PDB file of N, CA and C in Angstrom:
ATOM      1  N   MET A   1     116.572  60.987  99.841  1.00  0.00           N
ATOM      2  CA  MET A   1     116.605  61.147 101.283  1.00  0.00           C
ATOM      3  C   MET A   1     118.257  61.216 102.142  1.00  0.00           C
ATOM      4  N   ALA A   2     118.512  62.037 102.925  1.00  0.00           N
ATOM      5  CA  ALA A   2     119.921  62.078 103.445  1.00  0.00           C
ATOM      6  C   ALA A   2     119.381  61.321 105.023  1.00  0.00           C
ATOM      7  N   PHE A   3     120.550  61.067 105.350  1.00  0.00           N
ATOM      8  CA  PHE A   3     120.491  60.091 107.014  1.00  0.00           C
ATOM      9  C   PHE A   3     121.405  61.440 107.642  1.00  0.00           C
ATOM     10  N   VAL A   4     121.317  62.432 108.647  1.00  0.00           N
ATOM     11  CA  VAL A   4     121.628  63.545 109.054  1.00  0.00           C
ATOM     12  C   VAL A   4     121.488  63.015 110.617  1.00  0.00           C
ATOM     13  N   LEU A   5     122.987  63.494 111.048  1.00  0.00           N
ATOM     14  CA  LEU A   5     122.899  63.497 112.937  1.00  0.00           C
ATOM     15  C   LEU A   5     122.839  64.923 112.914  1.00  0.00           C
ATOM     16  N   VAL A   6     121.987  65.556 114.044  1.00  0.00           N
ATOM     17  CA  VAL A   6     121.688  66.326 114.651  1.00  0.00           C
ATOM     18  C   VAL A   6     122.364  66.345 115.983  1.00  0.00           C
ATOM     19  N   VAL A   7     123.609  67.602 116.099  1.00  0.00           N
ATOM     20  CA  VAL A   7     124.554  67.379 117.242  1.00  0.00           C
ATOM     21  C   VAL A   7     124.238  68.996 118.091  1.00  0.00           C
ATOM     22  N   ASP A   8     123.287  68.723 119.380  1.00  0.00           N
ATOM     23  CA  ASP A   8     123.059  70.258 120.029  1.00  0.00           C
ATOM     24  C   ASP A   8     122.871  69.480 121.556  1.00  0.00           C
ATOM     25  N   ASP A   9     123.244  70.529 122.280  1.00  0.00           N
ATOM     26  CA  ASP A   9     123.260  70.141 123.955  1.00  0.00           C
ATOM     27  C   ASP A   9     121.377  70.657 124.440  1.00  0.00           C
ATOM     28  N   ASP A  10     121.086  71.804 123.412  1.00  0.00           N
ATOM     29  CA  ASP A  10     119.598  71.828 123.907  1.00  0.00           C
ATOM     30  C   ASP A  10     118.730  70.673 123.182  1.00  0.00           C
ATOM     31  N   TRP A  11     118.177  69.901 124.378  1.00  0.00           N
ATOM     32  CA  TRP A  11     117.339  68.890 123.989  1.00  0.00           C
ATOM     33  C   TRP A  11     116.047  69.248 123.091  1.00  0.00           C
ATOM     34  N   ALA A  12     115.383  70.529 122.923  1.00  0.00           N
ATOM     35  CA  ALA A  12     113.920  70.895 122.765  1.00  0.00           C
ATOM     36  C   ALA A  12     114.696  71.088 121.047  1.00  0.00           C
ATOM     37  N   PHE A  13     115.696  71.905 120.667  1.00  0.00           N
ATOM     38  CA  PHE A  13     116.330  72.235 119.358  1.00  0.00           C
ATOM     39  C   PHE A  13     116.451  70.591 118.976  1.00  0.00           C
ATOM     40  N   ARG A  14     116.821  70.098 119.398  1.00  0.00           N
ATOM     41  CA  ARG A  14     117.313  68.657 118.653  1.00  0.00           C
ATOM     42  C   ARG A  14     116.399  68.306 118.552  1.00  0.00           C
ATOM     43  N   THR A  15     114.988  67.673 119.639  1.00  0.00           N
ATOM     44  CA  THR A  15     114.296  66.915 119.213  1.00  0.00           C
ATOM     45  C   THR A  15     113.460  67.796 118.383  1.00  0.00           C
ATOM     46  N   ALA A  16     113.048  68.866 118.179  1.00  0.00           N
ATOM     47  CA  ALA A  16     112.587  69.466 116.717  1.00  0.00           C
ATOM     48  C   ALA A  16     113.133  69.194 115.470  1.00  0.00           C
ATOM     49  N   ALA A  17     114.390  69.743 115.631  1.00  0.00           N
ATOM     50  CA  ALA A  17     115.261  69.555 114.405  1.00  0.00           C
ATOM     51  C   ALA A  17     114.946  67.910 113.776  1.00  0.00           C
ATOM     52  N   CYS A  18     115.114  67.144 114.649  1.00  0.00           N
ATOM     53  CA  CYS A  18     114.887  65.276 113.934  1.00  0.00           C
ATOM     54  C   CYS A  18     113.366  65.379 113.233  1.00  0.00           C
ATOM     55  N   ARG A  19     112.262  65.781 114.314  1.00  0.00           N
ATOM     56  CA  ARG A  19     111.195  65.950 114.129  1.00  0.00           C
ATOM     57  C   ARG A  19     110.718  66.188 112.045  1.00  0.00           C
ATOM     58  N   VAL A  20     111.550  67.648 112.351  1.00  0.00           N
ATOM     59  CA  VAL A  20     111.403  68.106 111.159  1.00  0.00           C
ATOM     60  C   VAL A  20     112.150  67.313 110.027  1.00  0.00           C
ATOM     61  N   LEU A  21     113.120  67.018 110.549  1.00  0.00           N
ATOM     62  CA  LEU A  21     114.031  66.534 109.214  1.00  0.00           C
ATOM     63  C   LEU A  21     113.540  64.687 108.612  1.00  0.00           C
ATOM     64  N   ARG A  22     112.805  64.099 109.806  1.00  0.00           N
ATOM     65  CA  ARG A  22     112.281  63.084 109.446  1.00  0.00           C
ATOM     66  C   ARG A  22     110.791  63.377 109.052  1.00  0.00           C
ATOM     67  N   GLY A  23     110.018  64.261 109.034  1.00  0.00           N
ATOM     68  CA  GLY A  23     108.666  64.818 108.550  1.00  0.00           C
ATOM     69  C   GLY A  23     109.059  64.730 107.267  1.00  0.00           C
ATOM     70  N   ALA A  24     110.317  65.357 106.699  1.00  0.00           N
ATOM     71  CA  ALA A  24     110.421  65.329 105.018  1.00  0.00           C
ATOM     72  C   ALA A  24     110.949  64.317 104.835  1.00  0.00           C
ATOM     73  N   GLY A  25     110.788  63.228 104.954  1.00  0.00           N
ATOM     74  CA  GLY A  25     111.402  61.614 104.588  1.00  0.00           C
ATOM     75  C   GLY A  25     112.929  61.973 104.985  1.00  0.00           C
ATOM     76  N   HIS A  26     113.485  62.156 105.812  1.00  0.00           N
ATOM     77  CA  HIS A  26     115.037  61.854 106.130  1.00  0.00           C
ATOM     78  C   HIS A  26     115.290  61.133 107.011  1.00  0.00           C
ATOM     79  N   THR A  27     116.175  60.231 107.843  1.00  0.00           N
ATOM     80  CA  THR A  27     116.196  59.638 108.298  1.00  0.00           C
ATOM     81  C   THR A  27     116.998  60.439 109.158  1.00  0.00           C
ATOM     82  N   ALA A  28     116.767  60.797 110.300  1.00  0.00           N
ATOM     83  CA  ALA A  28     117.217  61.747 111.539  1.00  0.00           C
ATOM     84  C   ALA A  28     118.279  60.736 112.910  1.00  0.00           C
ATOM     85  N   GLN A  29     118.891  61.008 113.363  1.00  0.00           N
ATOM     86  CA  GLN A  29     119.797  60.777 114.484  1.00  0.00           C
ATOM     87  C   GLN A  29     119.969  61.821 115.463  1.00  0.00           C
ATOM     88  N   GLU A  30     120.197  61.335 116.772  1.00  0.00           N
ATOM     89  CA  GLU A  30     120.637  62.583 118.056  1.00  0.00           C
ATOM     90  C   GLU A  30     122.134  62.243 118.658  1.00  0.00           C
ATOM     91  N   ALA A  31     122.585  63.382 119.055  1.00  0.00           N
ATOM     92  CA  ALA A  31     124.065  63.394 119.738  1.00  0.00           C
ATOM     93  C   ALA A  31     123.764  64.598 120.413  1.00  0.00           C
ATOM     94  N   VAL A  32     124.394  64.493 121.692  1.00  0.00           N
ATOM     95  CA  VAL A  32     124.190  65.694 123.018  1.00  0.00           C
ATOM     96  C   VAL A  32     125.662  66.287 122.652  1.00  0.00           C
ATOM     97  N   ASP A  33     126.808  65.822 122.104  1.00  0.00           N
ATOM     98  CA  ASP A  33     127.859  66.928 122.112  1.00  0.00           C
ATOM     99  C   ASP A  33     128.866  65.961 120.808  1.00  0.00           C
ATOM    100  N   GLY A  34     130.088  66.403 120.928  1.00  0.00           N
ATOM    101  CA  GLY A  34     131.065  66.461 119.687  1.00  0.00           C
ATOM    102  C   GLY A  34     131.480  64.767 120.103  1.00  0.00           C
ATOM    103  N   ALA A  35     131.691  64.783 121.006  1.00  0.00           N
ATOM    104  CA  ALA A  35     132.239  63.489 121.321  1.00  0.00           C
ATOM    105  C   ALA A  35     131.227  62.134 121.151  1.00  0.00           C
ATOM    106  N   HIS A  36     130.187  62.539 121.831  1.00  0.00           N
ATOM    107  CA  HIS A  36     128.936  61.707 121.361  1.00  0.00           C
ATOM    108  C   HIS A  36     128.320  61.319 119.449  1.00  0.00           C
ATOM    109  N   ALA A  37     128.750  62.475 119.145  1.00  0.00           N
ATOM    110  CA  ALA A  37     128.321  62.208 117.631  1.00  0.00           C
ATOM    111  C   ALA A  37     129.591  61.895 116.950  1.00  0.00           C
ATOM    112  N   LEU A  38     131.143  61.922 117.408  1.00  0.00           N
ATOM    113  CA  LEU A  38     131.822  61.247 116.758  1.00  0.00           C
ATOM    114  C   LEU A  38     131.808  59.569 116.787  1.00  0.00           C
ATOM    115  N   LYS A  39     131.096  58.994 118.028  1.00  0.00           N
ATOM    116  CA  LYS A  39     131.174  57.499 117.795  1.00  0.00           C
ATOM    117  C   LYS A  39     130.116  57.125 117.239  1.00  0.00           C
ATOM    118  N   LEU A  40     128.649  58.009 117.066  1.00  0.00           N
ATOM    119  CA  LEU A  40     127.633  57.572 116.481  1.00  0.00           C
ATOM    120  C   LEU A  40     128.091  57.688 114.954  1.00  0.00           C
ATOM    121  N   ILE A  41     129.026  58.652 114.443  1.00  0.00           N
ATOM    122  CA  ILE A  41     129.212  58.871 113.042  1.00  0.00           C
ATOM    123  C   ILE A  41     130.427  57.227 112.450  1.00  0.00           C
ATOM    124  N   ALA A  42     131.355  56.738 113.473  1.00  0.00           N
ATOM    125  CA  ALA A  42     131.585  55.650 113.702  1.00  0.00           C
ATOM    126  C   ALA A  42     130.695  54.683 113.249  1.00  0.00           C
ATOM    127  N   LEU A  43     130.044  54.611 113.796  1.00  0.00           N
ATOM    128  CA  LEU A  43     129.040  53.686 113.701  1.00  0.00           C
ATOM    129  C   LEU A  43     127.737  53.720 112.606  1.00  0.00           C
ATOM    130  N   SER A  44     127.509  54.978 112.560  1.00  0.00           N
ATOM    131  CA  SER A  44     126.347  54.797 111.498  1.00  0.00           C
ATOM    132  C   SER A  44     126.667  55.507 110.199  1.00  0.00           C
ATOM    133  N   SER A  45     127.502  56.124 109.785  1.00  0.00           N
ATOM    134  CA  SER A  45     127.958  56.484 108.661  1.00  0.00           C
ATOM    135  C   SER A  45     126.785  57.763 108.060  1.00  0.00           C
ATOM    136  N   PRO A  46     126.364  58.689 108.970  1.00  0.00           N
ATOM    137  CA  PRO A  46     125.713  59.850 108.342  1.00  0.00           C
ATOM    138  C   PRO A  46     126.358  60.915 107.202  1.00  0.00           C
ATOM    139  N   ASP A  47     124.922  61.030 106.267  1.00  0.00           N
ATOM    140  CA  ASP A  47     125.526  61.609 104.913  1.00  0.00           C
ATOM    141  C   ASP A  47     125.802  63.503 105.837  1.00  0.00           C
ATOM    142  N   ILE A  48     124.825  63.320 106.575  1.00  0.00           N
ATOM    143  CA  ILE A  48     125.464  65.188 106.783  1.00  0.00           C
ATOM    144  C   ILE A  48     124.909  65.447 108.027  1.00  0.00           C
ATOM    145  N   VAL A  49     126.111  66.099 108.763  1.00  0.00           N
ATOM    146  CA  VAL A  49     126.025  66.213 110.289  1.00  0.00           C
ATOM    147  C   VAL A  49     125.345  68.021 110.461  1.00  0.00           C
ATOM    148  N   VAL A  50     124.448  67.936 111.374  1.00  0.00           N
ATOM    149  CA  VAL A  50     123.572  69.432 111.728  1.00  0.00           C
ATOM    150  C   VAL A  50     124.747  69.305 112.911  1.00  0.00           C
ATOM    151  N   THR A  51     125.509  70.210 113.329  1.00  0.00           N
ATOM    152  CA  THR A  51     126.233  70.626 114.634  1.00  0.00           C
ATOM    153  C   THR A  51     126.121  71.917 115.116  1.00  0.00           C
ATOM    154  N   ASP A  52     125.673  71.833 116.362  1.00  0.00           N
ATOM    155  CA  ASP A  52     126.008  73.425 117.145  1.00  0.00           C
ATOM    156  C   ASP A  52     127.000  73.613 117.777  1.00  0.00           C
ATOM    157  N   MET A  53     127.898  75.136 117.852  1.00  0.00           N
ATOM    158  CA  MET A  53     128.891  75.095 117.553  1.00  0.00           C
ATOM    159  C   MET A  53     129.347  75.253 119.061  1.00  0.00           C
ATOM    160  N   LEU A  54     128.625  75.783 120.189  1.00  0.00           N
ATOM    161  CA  LEU A  54     129.187  75.564 121.885  1.00  0.00           C
ATOM    162  C   LEU A  54     128.455  74.529 122.440  1.00  0.00           C
ATOM    163  N   MET A  55     129.204  73.782 122.744  1.00  0.00           N
ATOM    164  CA  MET A  55     128.589  72.749 123.232  1.00  0.00           C
ATOM    165  C   MET A  55     129.658  71.874 124.334  1.00  0.00           C
ATOM    166  N   PRO A  56     129.193  71.361 125.536  1.00  0.00           N
ATOM    167  CA  PRO A  56     130.154  70.869 126.667  1.00  0.00           C
ATOM    168  C   PRO A  56     130.965  69.631 125.602  1.00  0.00           C
ATOM    169  N   GLU A  57     131.760  69.129 125.996  1.00  0.00           N
ATOM    170  CA  GLU A  57     132.716  68.189 125.904  1.00  0.00           C
ATOM    171  C   GLU A  57     133.464  67.871 124.559  1.00  0.00           C
ATOM    172  N   GLN A  58     132.702  68.501 123.417  1.00  0.00           N
ATOM    173  CA  GLN A  58     133.695  68.653 122.732  1.00  0.00           C
ATOM    174  C   GLN A  58     132.568  69.741 121.529  1.00  0.00           C
ATOM    175  N   ASP A  59     132.998  71.101 121.206  1.00  0.00           N
ATOM    176  CA  ASP A  59     132.210  71.678 120.522  1.00  0.00           C
ATOM    177  C   ASP A  59     132.488  71.597 119.086  1.00  0.00           C
ATOM    178  N   GLY A  60     131.330  72.236 118.352  1.00  0.00           N
ATOM    179  CA  GLY A  60     131.192  72.337 116.828  1.00  0.00           C
ATOM    180  C   GLY A  60     133.116  72.392 116.352  1.00  0.00           C
ATOM    181  N   ILE A  61     133.864  73.296 116.250  1.00  0.00           N
ATOM    182  CA  ILE A  61     134.544  73.617 116.206  1.00  0.00           C
ATOM    183  C   ILE A  61     135.604  72.195 116.216  1.00  0.00           C
ATOM    184  N   GLU A  62     135.862  71.624 117.457  1.00  0.00           N
ATOM    185  CA  GLU A  62     136.471  70.891 117.073  1.00  0.00           C
ATOM    186  C   GLU A  62     135.762  69.133 116.320  1.00  0.00           C
ATOM    187  N   LEU A  63     134.331  69.640 116.594  1.00  0.00           N
ATOM    188  CA  LEU A  63     133.838  68.282 115.458  1.00  0.00           C
ATOM    189  C   LEU A  63     133.830  68.550 114.281  1.00  0.00           C
ATOM    190  N   ILE A  64     133.578  69.312 113.699  1.00  0.00           N
ATOM    191  CA  ILE A  64     134.350  69.727 112.145  1.00  0.00           C
ATOM    192  C   ILE A  64     135.261  69.282 111.703  1.00  0.00           C
ATOM    193  N   ARG A  65     136.462  69.579 112.625  1.00  0.00           N
ATOM    194  CA  ARG A  65     137.767  69.147 112.148  1.00  0.00           C
ATOM    195  C   ARG A  65     137.431  67.556 112.153  1.00  0.00           C
ATOM    196  N   THR A  66     137.382  67.305 113.107  1.00  0.00           N
ATOM    197  CA  THR A  66     137.473  65.742 113.406  1.00  0.00           C
ATOM    198  C   THR A  66     136.904  65.365 112.288  1.00  0.00           C
ATOM    199  N   VAL A  67     135.644  65.701 111.800  1.00  0.00           N
ATOM    200  CA  VAL A  67     134.869  64.910 110.717  1.00  0.00           C
ATOM    201  C   VAL A  67     135.282  65.229 109.899  1.00  0.00           C
ATOM    202  N   LYS A  68     136.016  66.163 109.593  1.00  0.00           N
ATOM    203  CA  LYS A  68     137.063  66.644 107.867  1.00  0.00           C
ATOM    204  C   LYS A  68     137.990  65.556 107.939  1.00  0.00           C
ATOM    205  N   GLN A  69     138.394  65.363 109.021  1.00  0.00           N
ATOM    206  CA  GLN A  69     140.083  64.715 109.191  1.00  0.00           C
ATOM    207  C   GLN A  69     139.789  63.553 108.758  1.00  0.00           C
ATOM    208  N   HIS A  70     138.621  62.830 109.201  1.00  0.00           N
ATOM    209  CA  HIS A  70     138.607  61.237 109.553  1.00  0.00           C
ATOM    210  C   HIS A  70     137.393  60.621 108.136  1.00  0.00           C
ATOM    211  N   PHE A  71     136.660  61.140 108.307  1.00  0.00           N
ATOM    212  CA  PHE A  71     135.025  61.117 107.479  1.00  0.00           C
ATOM    213  C   PHE A  71     134.867  61.970 106.468  1.00  0.00           C
ATOM    214  N   PRO A  72     135.810  62.468 105.604  1.00  0.00           N
ATOM    215  CA  PRO A  72     135.591  63.913 104.494  1.00  0.00           C
ATOM    216  C   PRO A  72     134.603  63.731 103.415  1.00  0.00           C
ATOM    217  N   ALA A  73     133.813  62.421 103.453  1.00  0.00           N
ATOM    218  CA  ALA A  73     132.548  62.298 102.664  1.00  0.00           C
ATOM    219  C   ALA A  73     131.322  63.004 103.667  1.00  0.00           C
ATOM    220  N   VAL A  74     131.497  63.626 104.337  1.00  0.00           N
ATOM    221  CA  VAL A  74     130.483  63.836 105.716  1.00  0.00           C
ATOM    222  C   VAL A  74     130.405  65.322 105.565  1.00  0.00           C
ATOM    223  N   ARG A  75     129.470  65.688 104.498  1.00  0.00           N
ATOM    224  CA  ARG A  75     128.708  66.970 104.909  1.00  0.00           C
ATOM    225  C   ARG A  75     128.574  67.629 106.150  1.00  0.00           C
ATOM    226  N   ILE A  76     128.672  69.060 106.565  1.00  0.00           N
ATOM    227  CA  ILE A  76     128.360  69.796 107.676  1.00  0.00           C
ATOM    228  C   ILE A  76     127.835  70.708 107.632  1.00  0.00           C
ATOM    229  N   LEU A  77     126.683  70.915 108.528  1.00  0.00           N
ATOM    230  CA  LEU A  77     126.064  72.449 108.414  1.00  0.00           C
ATOM    231  C   LEU A  77     126.098  72.914 110.013  1.00  0.00           C
ATOM    232  N   ALA A  78     126.772  73.882 110.152  1.00  0.00           N
ATOM    233  CA  ALA A  78     127.029  74.438 111.143  1.00  0.00           C
ATOM    234  C   ALA A  78     126.000  75.346 111.635  1.00  0.00           C
ATOM    235  N   ILE A  79     125.469  75.151 112.947  1.00  0.00           N
ATOM    236  CA  ILE A  79     124.548  76.425 113.778  1.00  0.00           C
ATOM    237  C   ILE A  79     124.976  76.821 115.224  1.00  0.00           C
ATOM    238  N   SER A  80     124.327  78.332 115.120  1.00  0.00           N
ATOM    239  CA  SER A  80     124.441  78.615 116.335  1.00  0.00           C
ATOM    240  C   SER A  80     123.970  79.853 116.557  1.00  0.00           C
ATOM    241  N   GLY A  81     123.494  79.826 117.617  1.00  0.00           N
ATOM    242  CA  GLY A  81     122.715  80.857 118.282  1.00  0.00           C
ATOM    243  C   GLY A  81     123.881  82.268 118.391  1.00  0.00           C
ATOM    244  N   ARG A  82     124.626  81.664 118.840  1.00  0.00           N
ATOM    245  CA  ARG A  82     125.638  82.949 119.324  1.00  0.00           C
ATOM    246  C   ARG A  82     126.536  83.839 117.791  1.00  0.00           C
ATOM    247  N   GLY A  83     125.982  84.652 117.499  1.00  0.00           N
ATOM    248  CA  GLY A  83     126.895  84.929 116.386  1.00  0.00           C
ATOM    249  C   GLY A  83     128.263  85.735 116.551  1.00  0.00           C
ATOM    250  N   ALA A  84     128.523  86.339 117.633  1.00  0.00           N
ATOM    251  CA  ALA A  84     129.899  86.842 117.833  1.00  0.00           C
ATOM    252  C   ALA A  84     130.575  86.459 118.908  1.00  0.00           C
ATOM    253  N   PHE A  85     131.514  85.894 119.051  1.00  0.00           N
ATOM    254  CA  PHE A  85     132.481  85.454 120.158  1.00  0.00           C
ATOM    255  C   PHE A  85     133.655  86.162 120.713  1.00  0.00           C
ATOM    256  N   ALA A  86     133.454  86.902 121.022  1.00  0.00           N
ATOM    257  CA  ALA A  86     134.275  88.090 121.707  1.00  0.00           C
ATOM    258  C   ALA A  86     134.742  88.988 120.662  1.00  0.00           C
ATOM    259  N   ASP A  87     133.975  89.306 119.469  1.00  0.00           N
ATOM    260  CA  ASP A  87     134.386  89.941 118.480  1.00  0.00           C
ATOM    261  C   ASP A  87     134.340  89.142 116.892  1.00  0.00           C
ATOM    262  N   PHE A  88     134.367  88.161 117.064  1.00  0.00           N
ATOM    263  CA  PHE A  88     134.892  87.095 116.350  1.00  0.00           C
ATOM    264  C   PHE A  88     133.842  86.210 116.180  1.00  0.00           C
ATOM    265  N   ASP A  89     132.942  86.205 115.062  1.00  0.00           N
ATOM    266  CA  ASP A  89     132.196  85.288 114.051  1.00  0.00           C
ATOM    267  C   ASP A  89     132.138  84.036 113.928  1.00  0.00           C
ATOM    268  N   ILE A  90     131.669  82.945 115.151  1.00  0.00           N
ATOM    269  CA  ILE A  90     131.813  81.667 115.607  1.00  0.00           C
ATOM    270  C   ILE A  90     131.470  80.968 114.076  1.00  0.00           C
ATOM    271  N   LEU A  91     130.545  81.561 113.353  1.00  0.00           N
ATOM    272  CA  LEU A  91     129.983  80.416 111.977  1.00  0.00           C
ATOM    273  C   LEU A  91     130.994  80.850 111.193  1.00  0.00           C
ATOM    274  N   LYS A  92     131.505  82.129 110.945  1.00  0.00           N
ATOM    275  CA  LYS A  92     133.069  82.192 110.066  1.00  0.00           C
ATOM    276  C   LYS A  92     133.815  81.072 110.088  1.00  0.00           C
ATOM    277  N   LEU A  93     134.195  80.917 111.816  1.00  0.00           N
ATOM    278  CA  LEU A  93     135.289  80.160 112.029  1.00  0.00           C
ATOM    279  C   LEU A  93     134.737  78.943 111.746  1.00  0.00           C
ATOM    280  N   ALA A  94     133.411  78.160 111.784  1.00  0.00           N
ATOM    281  CA  ALA A  94     133.306  77.156 111.142  1.00  0.00           C
ATOM    282  C   ALA A  94     133.390  77.214 109.767  1.00  0.00           C
ATOM    283  N   ASP A  95     133.392  78.026 108.969  1.00  0.00           N
ATOM    284  CA  ASP A  95     133.542  78.094 107.729  1.00  0.00           C
ATOM    285  C   ASP A  95     134.875  77.923 107.184  1.00  0.00           C
ATOM    286  N   MET A  96     135.863  78.385 108.187  1.00  0.00           N
ATOM    287  CA  MET A  96     137.406  78.091 108.015  1.00  0.00           C
ATOM    288  C   MET A  96     137.896  76.808 108.358  1.00  0.00           C
ATOM    289  N   VAL A  97     137.167  76.092 109.322  1.00  0.00           N
ATOM    290  CA  VAL A  97     137.736  74.665 109.583  1.00  0.00           C
ATOM    291  C   VAL A  97     137.006  74.255 108.814  1.00  0.00           C
ATOM    292  N   GLY A  98     135.723  74.247 108.006  1.00  0.00           N
ATOM    293  CA  GLY A  98     135.502  73.044 107.136  1.00  0.00           C
ATOM    294  C   GLY A  98     133.841  72.998 107.365  1.00  0.00           C
ATOM    295  N   ALA A  99     133.656  73.482 107.450  1.00  0.00           N
ATOM    296  CA  ALA A  99     131.846  73.516 107.721  1.00  0.00           C
ATOM    297  C   ALA A  99     131.120  73.684 106.167  1.00  0.00           C
ATOM    298  N   ASP A 100     130.455  73.255 105.783  1.00  0.00           N
ATOM    299  CA  ASP A 100     130.005  73.144 103.871  1.00  0.00           C
ATOM    300  C   ASP A 100     129.096  74.334 104.023  1.00  0.00           C
ATOM    301  N   ALA A 101     128.613  74.549 105.290  1.00  0.00           N
ATOM    302  CA  ALA A 101     127.289  75.646 105.240  1.00  0.00           C
ATOM    303  C   ALA A 101     127.077  75.618 106.412  1.00  0.00           C
ATOM    304  N   THR A 102     126.358  77.112 107.176  1.00  0.00           N
ATOM    305  CA  THR A 102     125.941  77.659 108.185  1.00  0.00           C
ATOM    306  C   THR A 102     124.486  78.142 108.264  1.00  0.00           C
ATOM    307  N   LEU A 103     124.004  78.194 109.810  1.00  0.00           N
ATOM    308  CA  LEU A 103     122.657  78.737 109.810  1.00  0.00           C
ATOM    309  C   LEU A 103     123.219  79.170 111.330  1.00  0.00           C
ATOM    310  N   ALA A 104     122.677  80.672 111.473  1.00  0.00           N
ATOM    311  CA  ALA A 104     122.256  81.564 112.576  1.00  0.00           C
ATOM    312  C   ALA A 104     120.719  80.856 113.274  1.00  0.00           C
ATOM    313  N   LYS A 105     120.704  80.718 114.432  1.00  0.00           N
ATOM    314  CA  LYS A 105     119.902  79.931 115.058  1.00  0.00           C
ATOM    315  C   LYS A 105     119.336  81.478 115.812  1.00  0.00           C
ATOM    316  N   PRO A 106     117.896  81.623 115.936  1.00  0.00           N
ATOM    317  CA  PRO A 106     116.967  81.038 116.033  1.00  0.00           C
ATOM    318  C   PRO A 106     116.825  80.451 114.349  1.00  0.00           C
ATOM    319  N   LEU A 107     116.330  79.444 113.948  1.00  0.00           N
ATOM    320  CA  LEU A 107     116.185  79.211 112.565  1.00  0.00           C
ATOM    321  C   LEU A 107     114.655  78.116 112.645  1.00  0.00           C
ATOM    322  N   ASP A 108     114.248  78.586 111.574  1.00  0.00           N
ATOM    323  CA  ASP A 108     112.718  77.532 111.224  1.00  0.00           C
ATOM    324  C   ASP A 108     113.144  76.514 109.968  1.00  0.00           C
ATOM    325  N   GLY A 109     111.627  75.195 110.555  1.00  0.00           N
ATOM    326  CA  GLY A 109     111.896  74.243 109.493  1.00  0.00           C
ATOM    327  C   GLY A 109     112.392  74.655 108.234  1.00  0.00           C
ATOM    328  N   ASP A 110     111.652  75.199 107.410  1.00  0.00           N
ATOM    329  CA  ASP A 110     111.549  75.391 105.769  1.00  0.00           C
ATOM    330  C   ASP A 110     113.917  75.824 105.997  1.00  0.00           C
ATOM    331  N   GLU A 111     113.959  76.535 106.818  1.00  0.00           N
ATOM    332  CA  GLU A 111     115.596  77.084 106.877  1.00  0.00           C
ATOM    333  C   GLU A 111     116.103  75.640 107.000  1.00  0.00           C
ATOM    334  N   LEU A 112     115.770  74.883 107.458  1.00  0.00           N
ATOM    335  CA  LEU A 112     116.911  73.911 108.087  1.00  0.00           C
ATOM    336  C   LEU A 112     116.673  72.633 106.774  1.00  0.00           C
ATOM    337  N   LEU A 113     115.695  72.567 106.781  1.00  0.00           N
ATOM    338  CA  LEU A 113     115.321  71.492 105.094  1.00  0.00           C
ATOM    339  C   LEU A 113     115.970  72.044 103.960  1.00  0.00           C
ATOM    340  N   GLU A 114     115.633  73.534 103.613  1.00  0.00           N
ATOM    341  CA  GLU A 114     116.635  74.115 102.492  1.00  0.00           C
ATOM    342  C   GLU A 114     118.224  73.772 102.412  1.00  0.00           C
ATOM    343  N   ALA A 115     117.954  73.825 103.812  1.00  0.00           N
ATOM    344  CA  ALA A 115     120.199  73.862 104.107  1.00  0.00           C
ATOM    345  C   ALA A 115     120.186  72.323 103.782  1.00  0.00           C
ATOM    346  N   VAL A 116     120.011  71.164 104.404  1.00  0.00           N
ATOM    347  CA  VAL A 116     120.038  69.840 104.907  1.00  0.00           C
ATOM    348  C   VAL A 116     120.160  69.691 102.976  1.00  0.00           C
ATOM    349  N   SER A 117     118.837  69.905 102.592  1.00  0.00           N
ATOM    350  CA  SER A 117     118.413  69.577 100.878  1.00  0.00           C
ATOM    351  C   SER A 117     119.496  70.042  99.710  1.00  0.00           C
ATOM    352  N   GLY A 118     120.238  71.271 100.105  1.00  0.00           N
ATOM    353  CA  GLY A 118     121.489  71.661  99.490  1.00  0.00           C
ATOM    354  C   GLY A 118     122.845  70.675 100.087  1.00  0.00           C
ATOM    355  N   LEU A 119     122.770  70.129 100.891  1.00  0.00           N
ATOM    356  CA  LEU A 119     123.889  69.733 101.041  1.00  0.00           C
ATOM    357  C   LEU A 119     123.949  68.224 100.594  1.00  0.00           C
ATOM    358  N   ALA A 120     122.625  67.795 100.491  1.00  0.00           N
ATOM    359  CA  ALA A 120     122.228  66.448 100.172  1.00  0.00           C
ATOM    360  C   ALA A 120     122.334  66.085  98.484  1.00  0.00           C
ATOM    361  N   GLY A 121     122.706  67.193  98.146  1.00  0.00           N
ATOM    362  CA  GLY A 121     122.781  67.530  96.720  1.00  0.00           C
ATOM    363  C   GLY A 121     121.772  66.852  95.958  1.00  0.00           C
TER     364      GLY A 121
END
């Protein structure tokens, strides 16, 4: 089982994702944005970060770049409810900056668990 950090400014999504992950035997922790996530990553060393792309304080792109630079062993699952942002696919951008996998919202618990299991190896 993996230790997963769920980063999303949407409390309902964050809580539901952690409940699904814990129900499947994973350890799950929550962060409200990228800045909060980086503090937690430095303290707790998660295996996987599940991050939303558009958040206040520090967005998913900045978070992915920083994690890949300073914590290269951490796997990243990028998620977003907005497929295209000004004619640019935000999840393609996540891939370009180092996300290991991407999923579009809305997503169900099975999709989340399958993606996390794939990243956990």
